[in-house]
Amino acid sequence: MGSSSVWARENTREEVHGAIKRKEAYATTGPRMRVRVFGGWDFDADDLYASDFVSNGYKNGVPMGGDLRNAPNGVSPSFLIRALRDPDGANLDRVQIIKGWIDESGETHERIFDVAVSDGREIGEDGRAREPVGSTVDIESATYSNSIGSVELAGYWQDPDFDPNNNAFYYVRVIEIPKPRWTTIDAAFYDIPLPEAVPAEVQDRAYTSPIWFSAE
């Protein structure tokens, strides 16, 4: 069962409705992870750990659900991302940006970029970390351990292939380390065979609203 969250300025009906209206929201496949992302034209890597991270993000960029406009000549959009695991859940495997765009011929494209990964793994020149995080899942007992992954991940990313003539969107995906799937938990609890049609493990995740770029 999934869940959804909004970034509201206050815990009031009006502010929650305002956050929904401006699409400053994200969803998960169940866990209560916290995810925040800002996109802009002037961010750099140092902004990621600034004490005024949120106020700087709003002042010099747009949050999830926002629109980037007026691209400066020769400048690609950059993004600041912070993610925190569910306090009662699994550690984080990686943070990704998924970019979608429409080229000059009207064809649509999507590409995945790993922005931050746990456990000292490296992100290659193609923007992907090929080494998996691994798994601590014990299928027989339907348990796992947070001995791998990270409690929190943060990443700075700048689009290496930005074309100001193409409409584009960017959304963030945060992926947990593997956990036993609910069918695996049921099999262990009721002492019944595992179903063969579904995997024994699952990696829950969060998805943010996109940040949109509209070509002039």
Protein backbone atom coordinates (compact mmCIF):
# COMPACT_ATOMS: atom_id res chain seq x y z
CA MET A 1 0.00 0.00 0.00
CA GLY A 2 1.50 3.31 -1.06
CA SER A 3 1.57 6.67 0.66
CA SER A 4 1.84 10.29 -0.43
CA SER A 5 3.28 13.44 1.10
CA VAL A 6 3.23 17.18 0.46
CA TRP A 7 5.61 19.92 1.55
CA ALA A 8 3.29 22.43 3.23
CA ARG A 9 4.45 25.58 5.01
CA GLU A 10 2.10 24.88 7.92
CA ASN A 11 -0.05 22.00 9.10
CA THR A 12 -3.29 23.64 8.02
CA ARG A 13 -5.91 22.71 5.46
CA GLU A 14 -5.17 25.83 3.40
CA GLU A 15 -1.41 25.19 3.27
CA VAL A 16 -1.85 21.49 2.45
CA HIS A 17 -4.23 22.39 -0.38
CA GLY A 18 -1.72 24.99 -1.55
CA ALA A 19 1.05 22.39 -1.68
CA ILE A 20 -1.17 20.07 -3.70
CA LYS A 21 -2.10 22.88 -6.08
CA ARG A 22 1.53 23.73 -6.78
CA LYS A 23 2.34 19.99 -7.08
CA GLU A 24 4.98 20.07 -4.34
CA ALA A 25 4.32 16.44 -3.51
CA TYR A 26 5.77 12.96 -3.72
CA ALA A 27 4.57 9.40 -3.33
CA THR A 28 6.07 6.16 -2.06
CA THR A 29 5.28 2.50 -2.46
CA GLY A 30 4.72 2.29 1.30
CA PRO A 31 7.58 3.61 3.45
CA ARG A 32 7.54 7.10 4.96
CA MET A 33 10.73 8.40 3.41
CA ARG A 34 11.43 12.13 3.29
CA VAL A 35 12.53 13.56 -0.05
CA ARG A 36 13.25 17.13 -1.08
CA VAL A 37 14.48 18.44 -4.42
CA PHE A 38 15.12 21.87 -5.91
CA GLY A 39 16.06 22.74 -9.48
CA GLY A 40 17.57 25.97 -10.74
CA TRP A 41 20.15 27.69 -12.93
CA ASP A 42 22.62 28.86 -10.27
CA PHE A 43 23.04 25.98 -7.81
CA ASP A 44 26.40 24.38 -7.13
CA ALA A 45 27.50 21.40 -5.06
CA ASP A 46 28.24 23.53 -1.99
CA ASP A 47 24.55 24.45 -1.74
CA LEU A 48 23.71 20.84 -0.91
CA TYR A 49 24.94 21.07 2.69
CA ALA A 50 24.25 24.76 3.37
CA SER A 51 22.42 25.57 6.60
CA ASP A 52 19.85 27.50 4.55
CA PHE A 53 19.26 24.62 2.13
CA VAL A 54 15.48 25.05 1.98
CA SER A 55 15.33 28.86 1.88
CA ASN A 56 18.09 28.94 -0.74
CA GLY A 57 16.23 26.34 -2.78
CA TYR A 58 13.07 28.43 -2.88
CA LYS A 59 14.91 31.71 -3.41
CA ASN A 60 17.16 30.58 -6.28
CA GLY A 61 15.19 27.73 -7.78
CA VAL A 62 11.93 25.80 -7.82
CA PRO A 63 10.82 22.77 -5.79
CA MET A 64 9.34 19.51 -7.06
CA GLY A 65 6.31 20.30 -9.19
CA GLY A 66 7.76 23.64 -10.28
CA ASP A 67 8.56 25.10 -13.69
CA LEU A 68 12.01 26.17 -14.88
CA ARG A 69 11.96 28.98 -17.40
CA ASN A 70 14.26 31.51 -19.09
CA ALA A 71 17.34 29.31 -19.50
CA PRO A 72 20.50 31.46 -19.48
CA ASN A 73 22.73 31.01 -22.52
CA GLY A 74 25.09 28.08 -22.10
CA VAL A 75 23.76 27.05 -18.68
CA SER A 76 22.27 23.65 -17.81
CA PRO A 77 19.77 23.19 -14.98
CA SER A 78 21.17 21.82 -11.73
CA PHE A 79 19.42 19.99 -8.92
CA LEU A 80 19.82 19.61 -5.17
CA ILE A 81 18.39 16.46 -3.59
CA ARG A 82 18.13 15.24 -0.02
CA ALA A 83 16.54 11.95 1.04
CA LEU A 84 16.04 10.42 4.49
CA ARG A 85 14.91 6.87 5.16
CA ASP A 86 11.73 5.93 7.02
CA PRO A 87 12.78 5.93 10.71
CA ASP A 88 11.18 2.50 11.08
CA GLY A 89 12.15 1.24 7.65
CA ALA A 90 15.00 0.17 5.43
CA ASN A 91 18.16 2.07 4.57
CA LEU A 92 18.54 3.74 1.19
CA ASP A 93 20.25 2.17 -1.82
CA ARG A 94 20.40 5.14 -4.22
CA VAL A 95 18.89 8.39 -5.44
CA GLN A 96 18.14 8.82 -9.14
CA ILE A 97 16.97 11.52 -11.51
CA ILE A 98 14.84 10.43 -14.42
CA LYS A 99 14.96 12.90 -17.30
CA GLY A 100 12.38 12.92 -20.06
CA TRP A 101 12.45 15.12 -23.15
CA ILE A 102 10.99 15.62 -26.61
CA ASP A 103 13.45 16.03 -29.47
CA GLU A 104 13.12 18.17 -32.58
CA SER A 105 11.30 15.42 -34.46
CA GLY A 106 8.70 15.01 -31.72
CA GLU A 107 10.09 11.75 -30.37
CA THR A 108 9.98 11.24 -26.59
CA HIS A 109 12.95 9.93 -24.61
CA GLU A 110 13.78 9.03 -21.02
CA ARG A 111 17.10 8.42 -19.29
CA ILE A 112 18.01 7.40 -15.75
CA PHE A 113 20.90 9.01 -13.87
CA ASP A 114 22.20 7.82 -10.50
CA VAL A 115 22.88 10.92 -8.41
CA ALA A 116 23.87 9.44 -5.02
CA VAL A 117 24.62 5.84 -4.03
CA SER A 118 25.37 4.20 -0.71
CA ASP A 119 28.30 2.17 0.57
CA GLY A 120 31.07 3.91 -1.34
CA ARG A 121 30.02 2.67 -4.77
CA GLU A 122 31.04 4.70 -7.80
CA ILE A 123 28.87 6.29 -10.47
CA GLY A 124 30.33 5.77 -13.95
CA GLU A 125 30.76 8.29 -16.75
CA ASP A 126 27.44 7.09 -18.18
CA GLY A 127 25.69 8.29 -15.02
CA ARG A 128 24.98 4.83 -13.60
CA ALA A 129 26.33 2.83 -10.67
CA ARG A 130 26.46 -0.72 -11.99
CA GLU A 131 27.33 -2.40 -8.68
CA PRO A 132 24.14 -3.42 -6.82
CA VAL A 133 23.77 -2.59 -3.16
CA GLY A 134 23.49 -6.28 -2.27
CA SER A 135 20.93 -7.95 -0.03
CA THR A 136 20.68 -8.97 3.61
CA VAL A 137 17.30 -10.67 3.20
CA ASP A 138 16.89 -14.03 4.92
CA ILE A 139 14.06 -15.57 2.95
CA GLU A 140 13.38 -18.43 5.36
CA SER A 141 12.80 -16.08 8.31
CA ALA A 142 11.59 -13.14 6.15
CA THR A 143 13.96 -10.68 7.82
CA TYR A 144 16.58 -8.18 6.69
CA SER A 145 19.28 -6.00 8.22
CA ASN A 146 20.20 -2.32 7.84
CA SER A 147 23.87 -3.26 7.79
CA ILE A 148 24.03 -2.02 4.17
CA GLY A 149 22.74 1.16 2.57
CA SER A 150 22.55 4.66 4.07
CA VAL A 151 20.23 6.38 6.50
CA GLU A 152 20.30 9.47 4.29
CA LEU A 153 21.59 10.38 0.86
CA ALA A 154 22.19 13.74 -0.76
CA GLY A 155 23.24 14.59 -4.28
CA TYR A 156 23.98 17.45 -6.66
CA TRP A 157 23.39 16.88 -10.37
CA GLN A 158 23.63 19.04 -13.48
CA ASP A 159 22.14 17.92 -16.77
CA PRO A 160 25.08 16.98 -19.05
CA ASP A 161 22.96 16.96 -22.23
CA PHE A 162 20.67 19.93 -21.81
CA ASP A 163 19.14 21.40 -24.96
CA PRO A 164 17.20 24.63 -24.37
CA ASN A 165 15.20 23.97 -27.53
CA ASN A 166 13.62 20.79 -26.13
CA ASN A 167 10.84 20.54 -23.56
CA ALA A 168 11.95 18.35 -20.65
CA PHE A 169 11.02 17.10 -17.20
CA TYR A 170 13.07 15.80 -14.28
CA TYR A 171 11.79 13.73 -11.36
CA VAL A 172 13.59 12.06 -8.48
CA ARG A 173 13.37 8.41 -7.48
CA VAL A 174 14.71 7.15 -4.14
CA ILE A 175 15.22 3.39 -3.77
CA GLU A 176 15.55 1.38 -0.56
CA ILE A 177 17.74 -1.67 0.01
CA PRO A 178 16.02 -5.04 -0.54
CA LYS A 179 13.43 -6.25 1.98
CA PRO A 180 11.32 -9.41 2.08
CA ARG A 181 8.15 -9.02 0.03
CA TRP A 182 4.86 -9.33 1.90
CA THR A 183 4.29 -12.73 0.29
CA THR A 184 7.63 -13.86 1.75
CA ILE A 185 6.58 -12.59 5.18
CA ASP A 186 3.27 -14.46 4.90
CA ALA A 187 5.03 -17.64 3.81
CA ALA A 188 7.32 -17.52 6.86
CA PHE A 189 4.49 -16.64 9.27
CA TYR A 190 2.06 -19.30 8.04
CA ASP A 191 4.77 -21.86 7.20
CA ILE A 192 3.61 -22.21 3.60
CA PRO A 193 5.60 -22.42 0.34
CA LEU A 194 6.75 -19.24 -1.35
CA PRO A 195 4.70 -18.29 -4.42
CA GLU A 196 6.67 -18.90 -7.60
CA ALA A 197 5.12 -16.13 -9.70
CA VAL A 198 6.51 -13.19 -7.70
CA PRO A 199 9.98 -12.26 -6.39
CA ALA A 200 10.86 -12.98 -2.77
CA GLU A 201 12.40 -9.52 -2.26
CA VAL A 202 11.28 -5.98 -3.00
CA GLN A 203 12.94 -2.57 -3.09
CA ASP A 204 10.40 0.06 -2.07
CA ARG A 205 10.84 3.56 -3.46
CA ALA A 206 9.68 7.15 -3.56
CA TYR A 207 8.80 9.25 -6.63
CA THR A 208 8.62 13.05 -6.68
CA SER A 209 6.54 15.34 -8.83
CA PRO A 210 8.60 16.45 -11.85
CA ILE A 211 10.31 19.74 -12.32
CA TRP A 212 9.37 20.93 -15.80
CA PHE A 213 11.37 22.87 -18.35
CA SER A 214 9.46 24.53 -21.21
CA ALA A 215 11.49 25.65 -24.18
CA GLU A 216 10.83 29.24 -25.23
